[in-house]
Protein backbone atom coordinates (compact mmCIF):
# COMPACT_ATOMS: atom_id res chain seq x y z
CA MET A 1 66.78 100.36 110.51
CA LYS A 2 64.89 97.47 108.67
CA ARG A 3 67.88 95.33 109.91
CA ILE A 4 67.33 96.38 113.52
CA THR A 5 63.70 95.52 113.15
CA VAL A 6 64.10 92.55 111.24
CA LEU A 7 67.47 91.00 114.13
CA THR A 8 64.59 92.69 116.87
CA MET A 9 61.51 90.10 115.36
CA ALA A 10 63.86 86.78 115.13
CA LEU A 11 65.24 87.11 118.82
CA CYS A 12 61.46 87.60 119.67
CA VAL A 13 60.55 84.58 117.91
CA MET A 14 63.62 82.48 119.33
CA ALA A 15 62.06 83.20 123.21
CA VAL A 16 58.77 82.56 122.15
CA ALA A 17 60.11 79.71 120.59
CA CYS A 18 61.79 78.23 124.03
CA SER A 19 59.81 79.05 126.31
CA PRO A 20 56.80 76.65 125.74
CA ARG A 21 60.37 74.24 126.44
CA GLN A 22 61.47 76.00 129.16
CA MET A 23 57.62 76.04 131.03
CA ILE A 24 57.70 72.21 130.01
CA VAL A 25 60.91 71.59 132.13
CA LYS A 26 59.73 73.74 135.18
CA GLU A 27 56.74 71.69 135.93
CA ALA A 28 58.65 69.24 134.97
CA ALA A 29 60.95 69.66 137.49
CA GLY A 30 58.58 70.44 139.84
CA MET A 31 56.53 67.30 139.65
CA LEU A 32 59.79 65.22 140.52
CA ASP A 33 60.82 67.37 143.65
CA THR A 34 57.09 66.32 144.80
CA GLY A 35 58.09 62.77 143.30
CA ILE A 36 61.48 62.64 145.75
CA THR A 37 59.52 63.45 149.14
CA ALA A 38 57.03 60.74 148.08
CA PHE A 39 59.63 58.24 148.12
CA GLU A 40 60.24 58.75 151.57
CA GLN A 41 56.67 57.02 152.25
CA ASP A 42 57.87 53.81 150.97
CA THR A 43 59.64 50.70 152.33
CA ASP A 44 60.32 48.84 149.44
CA LEU A 45 64.16 49.02 149.24
CA GLU A 46 64.59 47.21 146.46
CA MET A 47 62.16 48.77 144.12
CA LEU A 48 63.35 52.27 145.07
CA ALA A 49 66.88 51.26 144.30
CA ALA A 50 65.68 50.07 140.56
CA ALA A 51 63.93 53.57 139.95
CA PHE A 52 65.79 56.12 141.30
CA PRO A 53 68.62 56.21 138.25
CA ALA A 54 65.50 56.46 135.53
CA ASN A 55 64.84 59.78 137.82
CA ILE A 56 68.22 60.85 138.25
CA LYS A 57 68.53 60.14 134.22
CA LEU A 58 65.45 61.60 133.71
CA CYS A 59 66.79 64.98 135.61
CA GLU A 60 69.48 65.31 133.73
CA ALA A 61 68.01 65.19 130.37
CA LEU A 62 65.59 67.63 131.36
CA LEU A 63 68.64 69.96 132.50
CA ALA A 64 70.18 69.67 129.00
CA SER A 65 66.88 71.11 128.15
CA ASP A 66 67.17 74.07 130.32
CA PRO A 67 71.19 74.65 131.41
CA GLU A 68 70.48 77.15 133.94
CA ASN A 69 67.69 75.51 135.99
CA ARG A 70 68.47 76.04 139.02
CA GLN A 71 65.71 73.74 140.80
CA LEU A 72 66.94 70.43 138.89
CA ARG A 73 70.81 70.76 139.44
CA VAL A 74 69.34 71.13 142.91
CA LEU A 75 66.70 68.43 142.96
CA LEU A 76 70.19 66.28 141.55
CA ALA A 77 72.18 67.29 143.89
CA ARG A 78 69.72 65.40 146.30
CA MET A 79 68.86 62.35 144.29
CA TYR A 80 72.69 61.66 143.60
CA ALA A 81 73.08 61.50 148.00
CA SER A 82 69.90 59.24 148.39
CA TYR A 83 70.31 57.32 146.30
CA ALA A 84 74.27 56.32 147.15
CA TRP A 85 73.92 56.67 150.80
CA ALA A 86 70.47 54.77 150.95
CA PHE A 87 71.27 51.87 148.95
CA LEU A 88 74.83 51.97 147.65
CA GLU A 89 76.67 52.89 150.94
CA GLY A 90 74.48 50.14 152.74
CA ASP A 91 75.77 47.26 150.81
CA TYR A 92 79.41 48.74 150.72
CA GLU A 93 79.12 48.71 154.43
CA ALA A 94 77.89 45.12 154.78
CA LEU A 95 80.66 43.90 152.06
CA ALA A 96 83.37 45.95 154.60
CA LEU A 97 82.45 44.69 157.55
CA ALA A 98 81.77 41.03 156.45
CA ALA A 99 83.69 38.60 159.35
CA ASP A 100 84.28 35.91 156.43
CA PRO A 101 84.75 37.62 152.62
CA ALA A 102 84.13 35.70 149.94
CA PRO A 103 87.07 35.99 147.64
CA ASP A 104 85.40 38.27 145.07
CA GLN A 105 84.54 40.65 147.82
CA ALA A 106 87.91 42.51 147.41
CA ALA A 107 86.74 43.10 143.71
CA ASP A 108 83.32 44.50 144.47
CA MET A 109 83.94 46.64 146.97
CA ALA A 110 86.36 48.97 144.55
CA ALA A 111 83.56 49.14 142.18
CA LEU A 112 80.62 49.57 144.90
CA ARG A 113 83.39 52.70 146.35
CA TYR A 114 84.29 53.97 143.13
CA ARG A 115 80.68 54.62 142.53
CA LEU A 116 80.32 55.82 145.68
CA SER A 117 82.85 58.26 145.08
CA ARG A 118 81.31 59.18 141.68
CA TYR A 119 78.16 59.79 142.49
CA TYR A 120 78.62 62.10 145.64
CA LEU A 121 80.91 63.84 143.43
CA LYS A 122 78.62 64.24 140.56
CA GLY A 123 75.89 65.57 143.77
CA ALA A 124 78.49 68.05 145.11
CA GLY A 125 78.63 69.78 141.53
CA TYR A 126 75.06 70.02 140.62
CA ALA A 127 75.21 71.20 144.30
CA GLU A 128 77.73 73.46 143.46
CA LYS A 129 76.50 75.03 140.44
CA ALA A 130 73.62 75.64 142.03
CA LEU A 131 74.93 77.68 144.65
CA ARG A 132 77.44 79.60 141.80
CA GLN A 133 74.34 81.12 140.46
CA THR A 134 73.00 82.67 144.17
CA ALA A 135 74.47 85.68 146.31
CA ALA A 136 77.37 83.12 147.13
CA GLY A 137 78.50 82.57 143.63
CA ALA A 138 81.42 85.21 143.69
CA CYS A 139 83.97 83.89 146.99
CA MET A 140 83.13 80.39 146.40
CA ALA A 141 86.53 79.92 145.75
CA ALA A 142 87.37 80.52 148.87
CA ALA A 143 89.98 78.08 150.82
CA GLY A 144 89.89 78.28 154.60
CA SER A 145 87.37 77.70 156.81
CA GLU A 146 87.12 81.69 157.70
CA ALA A 147 86.49 82.35 153.94
CA LEU A 148 83.89 79.82 154.04
CA ASP A 149 81.82 80.76 156.76
CA ALA A 150 81.81 84.51 155.57
CA CYS A 151 81.15 83.65 152.06
CA PHE A 152 77.84 81.45 152.85
CA SER A 153 76.81 83.64 155.67
CA ARG A 154 75.85 85.82 152.06
CA LEU A 155 73.05 83.05 152.13
CA GLY A 156 69.29 83.34 153.66
CA GLU A 157 66.60 80.35 153.80
CA ALA A 158 66.14 79.99 150.56
CA ALA A 159 69.23 78.81 149.50
CA VAL A 160 69.14 75.82 152.47
CA PRO A 161 68.87 73.27 149.82
CA GLU A 162 71.68 73.73 147.77
CA LEU A 163 73.73 74.43 150.76
CA PHE A 164 72.82 71.07 152.69
CA TRP A 165 72.95 68.61 149.39
CA TYR A 166 76.91 70.22 148.62
CA ALA A 167 77.50 69.42 152.51
CA PHE A 168 75.75 66.68 152.03
CA ASN A 169 77.37 65.56 148.82
CA LEU A 170 80.85 65.85 150.29
CA GLY A 171 80.63 65.22 153.73
CA THR A 172 80.14 61.39 152.53
CA TRP A 173 82.57 61.19 150.05
CA VAL A 174 84.80 62.67 153.33
CA ASN A 175 83.72 59.37 154.93
CA GLN A 176 84.42 57.26 152.17
CA ASN A 177 87.65 58.73 151.88
CA ARG A 178 89.82 60.13 154.32
CA ASP A 179 93.22 59.01 152.81
CA ASP A 180 92.30 61.34 149.69
CA PRO A 181 94.44 63.97 149.71
CA ASP A 182 91.35 66.60 149.21
CA ALA A 183 89.84 65.09 151.83
CA PHE A 184 90.76 67.48 154.63
CA ALA A 185 89.85 70.61 152.16
CA PHE A 186 86.26 68.91 151.72
CA SER A 187 85.49 68.55 154.73
CA GLN A 188 85.79 72.15 155.60
CA ARG A 189 84.16 73.09 152.49
CA ALA A 190 81.17 70.25 153.88
CA HIS A 191 81.57 72.07 157.60
CA ALA A 192 81.16 75.67 156.29
CA ALA A 193 77.93 74.90 154.43
CA MET A 194 75.81 72.54 156.84
CA SER A 195 76.62 75.27 159.70
CA ARG A 196 74.96 77.70 157.84
CA VAL A 197 72.40 75.56 157.26
CA GLN A 198 72.57 75.00 160.91
CA GLN A 199 71.98 78.19 161.38
CA LEU A 200 69.02 79.07 159.17
CA ASP A 201 66.93 76.37 159.30
CA PRO A 202 67.75 72.96 161.34
CA LEU A 203 64.69 71.12 161.13
CA TYR A 204 66.08 70.78 157.00
CA PHE A 205 65.50 67.24 155.95
CA HIS A 206 64.45 65.47 158.91
CA GLY A 207 67.41 67.80 161.15
CA GLY A 208 69.46 66.69 158.71
CA ALA A 209 72.40 68.82 160.22
CA LEU A 210 72.51 67.45 163.27
CA PHE A 211 73.02 63.87 162.32
CA PHE A 212 75.60 65.56 159.84
CA PHE A 213 77.84 66.84 163.34
CA MET A 214 77.08 63.65 165.21
CA GLY A 215 79.60 62.14 162.80
CA TYR A 216 81.08 64.78 161.62
CA HIS A 217 82.48 64.94 164.84
CA ALA A 218 83.06 62.05 166.43
CA SER A 219 84.75 60.37 163.18
CA ILE A 220 86.99 63.44 162.56
CA PRO A 221 89.75 63.25 164.52
CA GLU A 222 90.19 66.33 167.65
CA ASP A 223 93.29 68.04 165.66
CA LEU A 224 91.17 68.03 162.65
CA GLY A 225 88.60 69.88 163.81
CA GLY A 226 86.31 67.08 164.75
CA ARG A 227 84.89 67.22 168.73
CA ALA A 228 83.32 64.26 170.00
CA ASP A 229 82.53 65.75 173.37
CA GLU A 230 79.34 67.61 171.36
CA VAL A 231 78.28 64.87 169.63
CA LEU A 232 75.88 63.89 172.30
CA GLY A 233 74.43 67.49 172.18
CA TYR A 234 73.22 66.72 168.91
CA TYR A 235 71.83 63.88 169.21
CA ARG A 236 69.82 64.67 172.68
CA GLN A 237 68.72 67.61 170.35
CA LEU A 238 67.26 65.77 167.49
CA LYS A 239 65.38 63.24 169.65
CA GLN A 240 64.34 66.11 171.34
CA LEU A 241 62.86 67.75 167.75
CA LYS A 242 61.97 64.49 166.01
CA GLY A 243 60.84 62.09 168.72
CA SER A 244 61.44 58.58 170.26
CA ASP A 245 60.07 57.63 166.77
CA PHE A 246 63.11 58.83 164.51
CA LEU A 247 65.35 55.65 164.48
CA LEU A 248 68.39 57.23 162.39
CA ALA A 249 69.58 59.10 165.20
CA ASP A 250 69.74 56.40 167.03
CA LEU A 251 71.40 54.85 164.26
CA TYR A 252 73.57 57.39 164.35
CA TYR A 253 74.32 57.63 168.34
CA GLY A 254 75.20 54.10 168.39
CA ARG A 255 77.45 54.20 165.07
CA PHE A 256 79.35 56.90 165.67
CA TYR A 257 79.28 58.28 168.78
CA MET A 258 79.81 55.02 170.85
CA VAL A 259 82.04 53.56 168.48
CA SER A 260 84.57 57.29 169.35
CA GLN A 261 83.95 56.39 172.25
CA GLY A 262 84.90 52.29 172.73
CA ASP A 263 81.43 50.81 174.49
CA ARG A 264 80.84 48.26 172.80
CA GLU A 265 78.34 47.73 175.32
CA GLY A 266 76.88 50.69 174.37
CA PHE A 267 76.40 50.39 170.64
CA VAL A 268 75.19 46.90 171.04
CA LYS A 269 72.22 48.03 173.49
CA THR A 270 71.61 51.44 171.25
CA LEU A 271 71.37 48.88 168.09
CA GLU A 272 69.07 46.22 168.68
CA ALA A 273 66.84 48.64 170.11
CA VAL A 274 67.02 49.94 166.17
CA ILE A 275 65.37 46.64 165.29
CA ALA A 276 62.92 46.19 168.93
CA HIS A 277 61.67 49.07 168.46
CA ARG A 278 57.87 49.54 167.82
CA LEU A 279 57.03 51.86 165.89
CA PRO A 280 53.32 53.50 165.49
CA GLU A 281 50.87 51.76 163.10
CA GLU A 282 51.11 55.48 160.83
CA ASP A 283 54.54 55.68 160.64
CA PRO A 284 55.67 59.20 160.28
CA TYR A 285 59.12 58.31 158.84
CA PRO A 286 58.66 54.70 156.87
CA LEU A 287 61.60 54.97 154.22
CA LEU A 288 64.63 56.33 156.87
CA ASN A 289 63.30 54.32 159.79
CA VAL A 290 63.88 50.53 157.15
CA MET A 291 67.11 51.76 156.49
CA ALA A 292 67.51 52.51 159.62
CA ARG A 293 66.95 49.26 160.41
CA GLN A 294 68.64 47.51 158.18
CA ARG A 295 72.08 49.48 158.82
CA ALA A 296 71.66 49.22 162.67
CA ARG A 297 72.31 44.83 161.45
CA VAL A 298 74.94 45.01 158.67
CA TYR A 299 76.95 47.15 162.05
CA LEU A 300 75.57 44.68 164.81
CA ASP A 301 77.36 41.66 162.29
CA GLY A 302 80.33 44.01 161.79
CA ALA A 303 81.14 44.88 165.82
CA ASP A 304 84.01 43.20 165.36
CA ALA A 305 85.81 45.85 162.91
CA PHE A 306 84.95 48.54 164.99
CA PHE A 307 85.77 47.26 168.47
CA PRO A 308 88.44 44.43 167.82
């Protein structure tokens, strides 16, 4: 009896010792979650590109102290996706579309592509671990679109962030690695997860499911599930939901839909309008609009690559 009492007391002491640490991690995770949203209000791309890695490593250090923290896993999935997509992918595309490549460009592109792939897969991995903590955990190994749809149908609105950043990371990885044997399976998983997001909360992350499907259906061949004819509908929904000052919708429309239609004139007209669009003094989407304009210039400069 005495032995049981001593063991119980020891366990209680351990629980009390761990509890303050977990509380601190929880508080820090909440502040970081709020902070990443605040990043979208800044337009200094150079400063943000330098700030992201430090915040990512901070989150990973916090996760090491609380390995089952679902909020941190989702936050890391979002941070890896945001950093790779907003900064590294823009640099990679500028090199890939350059009309007059520099002698060392191939090496720079290979290094950037490696980092992009690594970060998207790390982000997807964190989101997948978060999803395994939900009602979908038991069926996350499912293969095939129907099985995955059934798996994710178990989830409600509370799991939208996990689903979204899982799909976003996998989908953008597929865009960079279409020649990889895993690309088809990953695209199915991304499609199933994002379809559930669209059902539960189509406005999450500025209607992110809609512009995800704009890129997905315009860039994937029809025999693999792409439906370019639906892209126009997604674009119209985005414009209706977000208004004319959400330039990312127009960027995706020009980059994916116009390219899929072989419409160079429409491509140029759409992207020039993104650059020339006069935004209100209180821009509702500061960072995303700066990114859209920057990427529009890259695509216009590389138009010959899209329309050879």
